[in-house]
Amino acid sequence: MIQKGIYRHFKGGIYEVIGVAIHTETQDALVIYRDYENPNSITWARPVSMWNDTVNGKPRFERIEGSET
């Protein structure tokens, strides 16, 4: 399961995971997150399977240790 906290995207952006939601039609798990440096920005949803993907051998998102929210 995806933990709440602060994550670094492989391109360098920093994001805060707010939680995990379930899509009403497909029952797919979605990670709900937002730009950590601009918390008033848009809130995003991404399938957990994509969140956990690797890109060029690196995790798409990597949790920053000690970032419990």
PDB file of N, CA and C in Angstrom:
ATOM      1  N   MET A   1       0.852  -1.193   0.000  1.00  0.00           N
ATOM      2  CA  MET A   1       0.000   0.000   0.000  1.00  0.00           C
ATOM      3  C   MET A   1       0.888   1.243   0.000  1.00  0.00           C
ATOM      4  N   ILE A   2       0.412   2.276  -0.608  1.00  0.00           N
ATOM      5  CA  ILE A   2       1.136   3.538  -0.689  1.00  0.00           C
ATOM      6  C   ILE A   2       0.948   4.296   0.630  1.00  0.00           C
ATOM      7  N   GLN A   3       2.045   4.731   1.223  1.00  0.00           N
ATOM      8  CA  GLN A   3       1.986   5.491   2.475  1.00  0.00           C
ATOM      9  C   GLN A   3       1.851   6.980   2.182  1.00  0.00           C
ATOM     10  N   LYS A   4       1.132   7.677   3.068  1.00  0.00           N
ATOM     11  CA  LYS A   4       1.119   9.134   3.000  1.00  0.00           C
ATOM     12  C   LYS A   4       2.535   9.621   3.241  1.00  0.00           C
ATOM     13  N   GLY A   5       2.868  10.745   2.646  1.00  0.00           N
ATOM     14  CA  GLY A   5       4.205  11.298   2.836  1.00  0.00           C
ATOM     15  C   GLY A   5       4.631  12.101   1.629  1.00  0.00           C
ATOM     16  N   ILE A   6       5.907  12.408   1.573  1.00  0.00           N
ATOM     17  CA  ILE A   6       6.481  13.240   0.522  1.00  0.00           C
ATOM     18  C   ILE A   6       7.313  12.333  -0.387  1.00  0.00           C
ATOM     19  N   TYR A   7       7.122  12.525  -1.689  1.00  0.00           N
ATOM     20  CA  TYR A   7       7.775  11.685  -2.687  1.00  0.00           C
ATOM     21  C   TYR A   7       8.466  12.552  -3.731  1.00  0.00           C
ATOM     22  N   ARG A   8       9.565  12.033  -4.249  1.00  0.00           N
ATOM     23  CA  ARG A   8      10.281  12.700  -5.336  1.00  0.00           C
ATOM     24  C   ARG A   8       9.997  11.941  -6.632  1.00  0.00           C
ATOM     25  N   HIS A   9       9.531  12.686  -7.637  1.00  0.00           N
ATOM     26  CA  HIS A   9       9.309  12.131  -8.971  1.00  0.00           C
ATOM     27  C   HIS A   9      10.659  11.961  -9.652  1.00  0.00           C
ATOM     28  N   PHE A  10      10.770  10.992 -10.549  1.00  0.00           N
ATOM     29  CA  PHE A  10      12.056  10.737 -11.194  1.00  0.00           C
ATOM     30  C   PHE A  10      12.569  11.941 -11.988  1.00  0.00           C
ATOM     31  N   LYS A  11      11.687  12.875 -12.347  1.00  0.00           N
ATOM     32  CA  LYS A  11      12.118  14.096 -13.043  1.00  0.00           C
ATOM     33  C   LYS A  11      12.494  15.211 -12.071  1.00  0.00           C
ATOM     34  N   GLY A  12      12.324  14.964 -10.753  1.00  0.00           N
ATOM     35  CA  GLY A  12      12.769  15.920  -9.759  1.00  0.00           C
ATOM     36  C   GLY A  12      11.693  16.624  -8.961  1.00  0.00           C
ATOM     37  N   GLY A  13      10.452  16.595  -9.410  1.00  0.00           N
ATOM     38  CA  GLY A  13       9.369  17.259  -8.676  1.00  0.00           C
ATOM     39  C   GLY A  13       9.120  16.594  -7.327  1.00  0.00           C
ATOM     40  N   ILE A  14       8.619  17.374  -6.368  1.00  0.00           N
ATOM     41  CA  ILE A  14       8.318  16.872  -5.026  1.00  0.00           C
ATOM     42  C   ILE A  14       6.790  16.926  -4.840  1.00  0.00           C
ATOM     43  N   TYR A  15       6.222  15.799  -4.415  1.00  0.00           N
ATOM     44  CA  TYR A  15       4.774  15.679  -4.284  1.00  0.00           C
ATOM     45  C   TYR A  15       4.387  15.108  -2.934  1.00  0.00           C
ATOM     46  N   GLU A  16       3.213  15.491  -2.465  1.00  0.00           N
ATOM     47  CA  GLU A  16       2.671  14.975  -1.208  1.00  0.00           C
ATOM     48  C   GLU A  16       1.530  14.015  -1.517  1.00  0.00           C
ATOM     49  N   VAL A  17       1.644  12.795  -1.024  1.00  0.00           N
ATOM     50  CA  VAL A  17       0.552  11.831  -1.154  1.00  0.00           C
ATOM     51  C   VAL A  17      -0.459  12.109  -0.060  1.00  0.00           C
ATOM     52  N   ILE A  18      -1.690  12.368  -0.468  1.00  0.00           N
ATOM     53  CA  ILE A  18      -2.784  12.658   0.447  1.00  0.00           C
ATOM     54  C   ILE A  18      -3.451  11.362   0.906  1.00  0.00           C
ATOM     55  N   GLY A  19      -3.517  10.398   0.000  1.00  0.00           N
ATOM     56  CA  GLY A  19      -4.137   9.118   0.332  1.00  0.00           C
ATOM     57  C   GLY A  19      -4.348   8.285  -0.907  1.00  0.00           C
ATOM     58  N   VAL A  20      -5.101   7.211  -0.750  1.00  0.00           N
ATOM     59  CA  VAL A  20      -5.442   6.322  -1.856  1.00  0.00           C
ATOM     60  C   VAL A  20      -6.955   6.263  -1.935  1.00  0.00           C
ATOM     61  N   ALA A  21      -7.474   6.341  -3.162  1.00  0.00           N
ATOM     62  CA  ALA A  21      -8.919   6.283  -3.394  1.00  0.00           C
ATOM     63  C   ALA A  21      -9.220   5.095  -4.308  1.00  0.00           C
ATOM     64  N   ILE A  22     -10.472   4.694  -4.333  1.00  0.00           N
ATOM     65  CA  ILE A  22     -10.915   3.610  -5.206  1.00  0.00           C
ATOM     66  C   ILE A  22     -11.838   4.192  -6.274  1.00  0.00           C
ATOM     67  N   HIS A  23     -11.532   3.916  -7.525  1.00  0.00           N
ATOM     68  CA  HIS A  23     -12.360   4.378  -8.654  1.00  0.00           C
ATOM     69  C   HIS A  23     -13.721   3.703  -8.552  1.00  0.00           C
ATOM     70  N   THR A  24     -14.785   4.475  -8.675  1.00  0.00           N
ATOM     71  CA  THR A  24     -16.138   3.954  -8.465  1.00  0.00           C
ATOM     72  C   THR A  24     -16.572   2.936  -9.511  1.00  0.00           C
ATOM     73  N   GLU A  25     -16.101   3.064 -10.736  1.00  0.00           N
ATOM     74  CA  GLU A  25     -16.533   2.162 -11.806  1.00  0.00           C
ATOM     75  C   GLU A  25     -15.639   0.933 -11.942  1.00  0.00           C
ATOM     76  N   THR A  26     -14.325   1.136 -11.847  1.00  0.00           N
ATOM     77  CA  THR A  26     -13.383   0.037 -12.116  1.00  0.00           C
ATOM     78  C   THR A  26     -12.848  -0.628 -10.860  1.00  0.00           C
ATOM     79  N   GLN A  27     -13.026   0.024  -9.711  1.00  0.00           N
ATOM     80  CA  GLN A  27     -12.481  -0.436  -8.435  1.00  0.00           C
ATOM     81  C   GLN A  27     -10.945  -0.390  -8.399  1.00  0.00           C
ATOM     82  N   ASP A  28     -10.329   0.312  -9.356  1.00  0.00           N
ATOM     83  CA  ASP A  28      -8.875   0.478  -9.361  1.00  0.00           C
ATOM     84  C   ASP A  28      -8.464   1.414  -8.232  1.00  0.00           C
ATOM     85  N   ALA A  29      -7.324   1.113  -7.615  1.00  0.00           N
ATOM     86  CA  ALA A  29      -6.770   1.982  -6.570  1.00  0.00           C
ATOM     87  C   ALA A  29      -6.019   3.135  -7.241  1.00  0.00           C
ATOM     88  N   LEU A  30      -6.270   4.358  -6.760  1.00  0.00           N
ATOM     89  CA  LEU A  30      -5.648   5.567  -7.299  1.00  0.00           C
ATOM     90  C   LEU A  30      -4.914   6.297  -6.184  1.00  0.00           C
ATOM     91  N   VAL A  31      -3.689   6.715  -6.460  1.00  0.00           N
ATOM     92  CA  VAL A  31      -2.935   7.544  -5.514  1.00  0.00           C
ATOM     93  C   VAL A  31      -3.392   8.982  -5.714  1.00  0.00           C
ATOM     94  N   ILE A  32      -3.755   9.658  -4.630  1.00  0.00           N
ATOM     95  CA  ILE A  32      -4.189  11.055  -4.675  1.00  0.00           C
ATOM     96  C   ILE A  32      -3.035  11.893  -4.135  1.00  0.00           C
ATOM     97  N   TYR A  33      -2.566  12.852  -4.949  1.00  0.00           N
ATOM     98  CA  TYR A  33      -1.380  13.611  -4.560  1.00  0.00           C
ATOM     99  C   TYR A  33      -1.426  15.024  -5.117  1.00  0.00           C
ATOM    100  N   ARG A  34      -0.533  15.881  -4.587  1.00  0.00           N
ATOM    101  CA  ARG A  34      -0.455  17.265  -5.043  1.00  0.00           C
ATOM    102  C   ARG A  34       0.990  17.743  -4.970  1.00  0.00           C
ATOM    103  N   ASP A  35       1.244  18.840  -5.628  1.00  0.00           N
ATOM    104  CA  ASP A  35       2.567  19.457  -5.642  1.00  0.00           C
ATOM    105  C   ASP A  35       2.891  19.917  -4.227  1.00  0.00           C
ATOM    106  N   TYR A  36       3.953  19.403  -3.647  1.00  0.00           N
ATOM    107  CA  TYR A  36       4.312  19.729  -2.263  1.00  0.00           C
ATOM    108  C   TYR A  36       4.702  21.192  -2.105  1.00  0.00           C
ATOM    109  N   GLU A  37       5.363  21.746  -3.111  1.00  0.00           N
ATOM    110  CA  GLU A  37       5.839  23.123  -3.028  1.00  0.00           C
ATOM    111  C   GLU A  37       4.744  24.140  -3.324  1.00  0.00           C
ATOM    112  N   ASN A  38       3.614  23.692  -3.849  1.00  0.00           N
ATOM    113  CA  ASN A  38       2.479  24.561  -4.132  1.00  0.00           C
ATOM    114  C   ASN A  38       1.197  23.812  -3.763  1.00  0.00           C
ATOM    115  N   PRO A  39       0.905  23.696  -2.461  1.00  0.00           N
ATOM    116  CA  PRO A  39      -0.238  22.889  -2.023  1.00  0.00           C
ATOM    117  C   PRO A  39      -1.600  23.390  -2.510  1.00  0.00           C
ATOM    118  N   ASN A  40      -1.662  24.611  -3.037  1.00  0.00           N
ATOM    119  CA  ASN A  40      -2.926  25.123  -3.576  1.00  0.00           C
ATOM    120  C   ASN A  40      -3.115  24.760  -5.041  1.00  0.00           C
ATOM    121  N   SER A  41      -2.173  24.015  -5.604  1.00  0.00           N
ATOM    122  CA  SER A  41      -2.276  23.614  -7.005  1.00  0.00           C
ATOM    123  C   SER A  41      -3.287  22.484  -7.158  1.00  0.00           C
ATOM    124  N   ILE A  42      -3.453  22.048  -8.366  1.00  0.00           N
ATOM    125  CA  ILE A  42      -4.392  20.972  -8.682  1.00  0.00           C
ATOM    126  C   ILE A  42      -4.039  19.698  -7.912  1.00  0.00           C
ATOM    127  N   THR A  43      -5.040  18.919  -7.573  1.00  0.00           N
ATOM    128  CA  THR A  43      -4.846  17.615  -6.956  1.00  0.00           C
ATOM    129  C   THR A  43      -4.913  16.577  -8.069  1.00  0.00           C
ATOM    130  N   TRP A  44      -3.964  15.643  -8.043  1.00  0.00           N
ATOM    131  CA  TRP A  44      -3.827  14.642  -9.096  1.00  0.00           C
ATOM    132  C   TRP A  44      -4.227  13.264  -8.597  1.00  0.00           C
ATOM    133  N   ALA A  45      -4.609  12.386  -9.525  1.00  0.00           N
ATOM    134  CA  ALA A  45      -4.873  10.977  -9.235  1.00  0.00           C
ATOM    135  C   ALA A  45      -4.129  10.142 -10.271  1.00  0.00           C
ATOM    136  N   ARG A  46      -3.463   9.110  -9.811  1.00  0.00           N
ATOM    137  CA  ARG A  46      -2.706   8.229 -10.700  1.00  0.00           C
ATOM    138  C   ARG A  46      -2.919   6.796 -10.221  1.00  0.00           C
ATOM    139  N   PRO A  47      -3.142   5.858 -11.138  1.00  0.00           N
ATOM    140  CA  PRO A  47      -3.284   4.462 -10.719  1.00  0.00           C
ATOM    141  C   PRO A  47      -2.057   3.989  -9.935  1.00  0.00           C
ATOM    142  N   VAL A  48      -2.289   3.205  -8.896  1.00  0.00           N
ATOM    143  CA  VAL A  48      -1.199   2.693  -8.077  1.00  0.00           C
ATOM    144  C   VAL A  48      -0.186   1.949  -8.945  1.00  0.00           C
ATOM    145  N   SER A  49      -0.673   1.208  -9.948  1.00  0.00           N
ATOM    146  CA  SER A  49       0.242   0.456 -10.805  1.00  0.00           C
ATOM    147  C   SER A  49       1.219   1.384 -11.526  1.00  0.00           C
ATOM    148  N   MET A  50       0.749   2.554 -11.973  1.00  0.00           N
ATOM    149  CA  MET A  50       1.642   3.536 -12.605  1.00  0.00           C
ATOM    150  C   MET A  50       2.555   4.177 -11.572  1.00  0.00           C
ATOM    151  N   TRP A  51       2.016   4.475 -10.408  1.00  0.00           N
ATOM    152  CA  TRP A  51       2.803   5.094  -9.333  1.00  0.00           C
ATOM    153  C   TRP A  51       4.021   4.228  -9.004  1.00  0.00           C
ATOM    154  N   ASN A  52       3.813   2.928  -8.966  1.00  0.00           N
ATOM    155  CA  ASN A  52       4.866   1.989  -8.594  1.00  0.00           C
ATOM    156  C   ASN A  52       5.782   1.596  -9.755  1.00  0.00           C
ATOM    157  N   ASP A  53       5.516   2.093 -10.950  1.00  0.00           N
ATOM    158  CA  ASP A  53       6.341   1.771 -12.124  1.00  0.00           C
ATOM    159  C   ASP A  53       7.774   2.255 -11.967  1.00  0.00           C
ATOM    160  N   THR A  54       8.624   1.715 -12.812  1.00  0.00           N
ATOM    161  CA  THR A  54       9.980   2.234 -12.937  1.00  0.00           C
ATOM    162  C   THR A  54      10.127   2.866 -14.317  1.00  0.00           C
ATOM    163  N   VAL A  55      10.997   3.855 -14.406  1.00  0.00           N
ATOM    164  CA  VAL A  55      11.283   4.541 -15.656  1.00  0.00           C
ATOM    165  C   VAL A  55      12.800   4.523 -15.831  1.00  0.00           C
ATOM    166  N   ASN A  56      13.253   3.909 -16.899  1.00  0.00           N
ATOM    167  CA  ASN A  56      14.693   3.779 -17.136  1.00  0.00           C
ATOM    168  C   ASN A  56      15.416   3.189 -15.920  1.00  0.00           C
ATOM    169  N   GLY A  57      14.788   2.207 -15.295  1.00  0.00           N
ATOM    170  CA  GLY A  57      15.398   1.523 -14.165  1.00  0.00           C
ATOM    171  C   GLY A  57      15.287   2.228 -12.825  1.00  0.00           C
ATOM    172  N   LYS A  58      14.635   3.400 -12.793  1.00  0.00           N
ATOM    173  CA  LYS A  58      14.456   4.148 -11.541  1.00  0.00           C
ATOM    174  C   LYS A  58      12.981   4.162 -11.179  1.00  0.00           C
ATOM    175  N   PRO A  59      12.662   4.182  -9.874  1.00  0.00           N
ATOM    176  CA  PRO A  59      11.242   4.294  -9.493  1.00  0.00           C
ATOM    177  C   PRO A  59      10.651   5.607 -10.012  1.00  0.00           C
ATOM    178  N   ARG A  60       9.406   5.546 -10.492  1.00  0.00           N
ATOM    179  CA  ARG A  60       8.734   6.778 -10.942  1.00  0.00           C
ATOM    180  C   ARG A  60       8.622   7.759  -9.776  1.00  0.00           C
ATOM    181  N   PHE A  61       8.240   7.261  -8.597  1.00  0.00           N
ATOM    182  CA  PHE A  61       8.152   8.066  -7.377  1.00  0.00           C
ATOM    183  C   PHE A  61       8.918   7.343  -6.279  1.00  0.00           C
ATOM    184  N   GLU A  62       9.712   8.084  -5.536  1.00  0.00           N
ATOM    185  CA  GLU A  62      10.474   7.515  -4.434  1.00  0.00           C
ATOM    186  C   GLU A  62      10.163   8.296  -3.166  1.00  0.00           C
ATOM    187  N   ARG A  63       9.756   7.574  -2.142  1.00  0.00           N
ATOM    188  CA  ARG A  63       9.387   8.220  -0.878  1.00  0.00           C
ATOM    189  C   ARG A  63      10.614   8.823  -0.218  1.00  0.00           C
ATOM    190  N   ILE A  64      10.469  10.031   0.279  1.00  0.00           N
ATOM    191  CA  ILE A  64      11.529  10.710   1.029  1.00  0.00           C
ATOM    192  C   ILE A  64      11.402  10.248   2.468  1.00  0.00           C
ATOM    193  N   GLU A  65      12.416   9.578   2.960  1.00  0.00           N
ATOM    194  CA  GLU A  65      12.372   8.995   4.310  1.00  0.00           C
ATOM    195  C   GLU A  65      12.066  10.060   5.364  1.00  0.00           C
ATOM    196  N   GLY A  66      11.298   9.646   6.381  1.00  0.00           N
ATOM    197  CA  GLY A  66      10.956  10.558   7.474  1.00  0.00           C
ATOM    198  C   GLY A  66       9.901  11.579   7.106  1.00  0.00           C
ATOM    199  N   SER A  67       9.134  11.304   6.053  1.00  0.00           N
ATOM    200  CA  SER A  67       8.170  12.300   5.571  1.00  0.00           C
ATOM    201  C   SER A  67       6.738  11.970   5.920  1.00  0.00           C
ATOM    202  N   GLU A  68       6.500  11.342   7.052  1.00  0.00           N
ATOM    203  CA  GLU A  68       5.139  11.061   7.489  1.00  0.00           C
ATOM    204  C   GLU A  68       4.333  12.347   7.541  1.00  0.00           C
ATOM    205  N   THR A  69       3.094  12.306   7.020  1.00  0.00           N
ATOM    206  CA  THR A  69       2.209  13.471   7.110  1.00  0.00           C
ATOM    207  C   THR A  69       0.981  13.134   7.907  1.00  0.00           C
TER     208      THR A  69
END
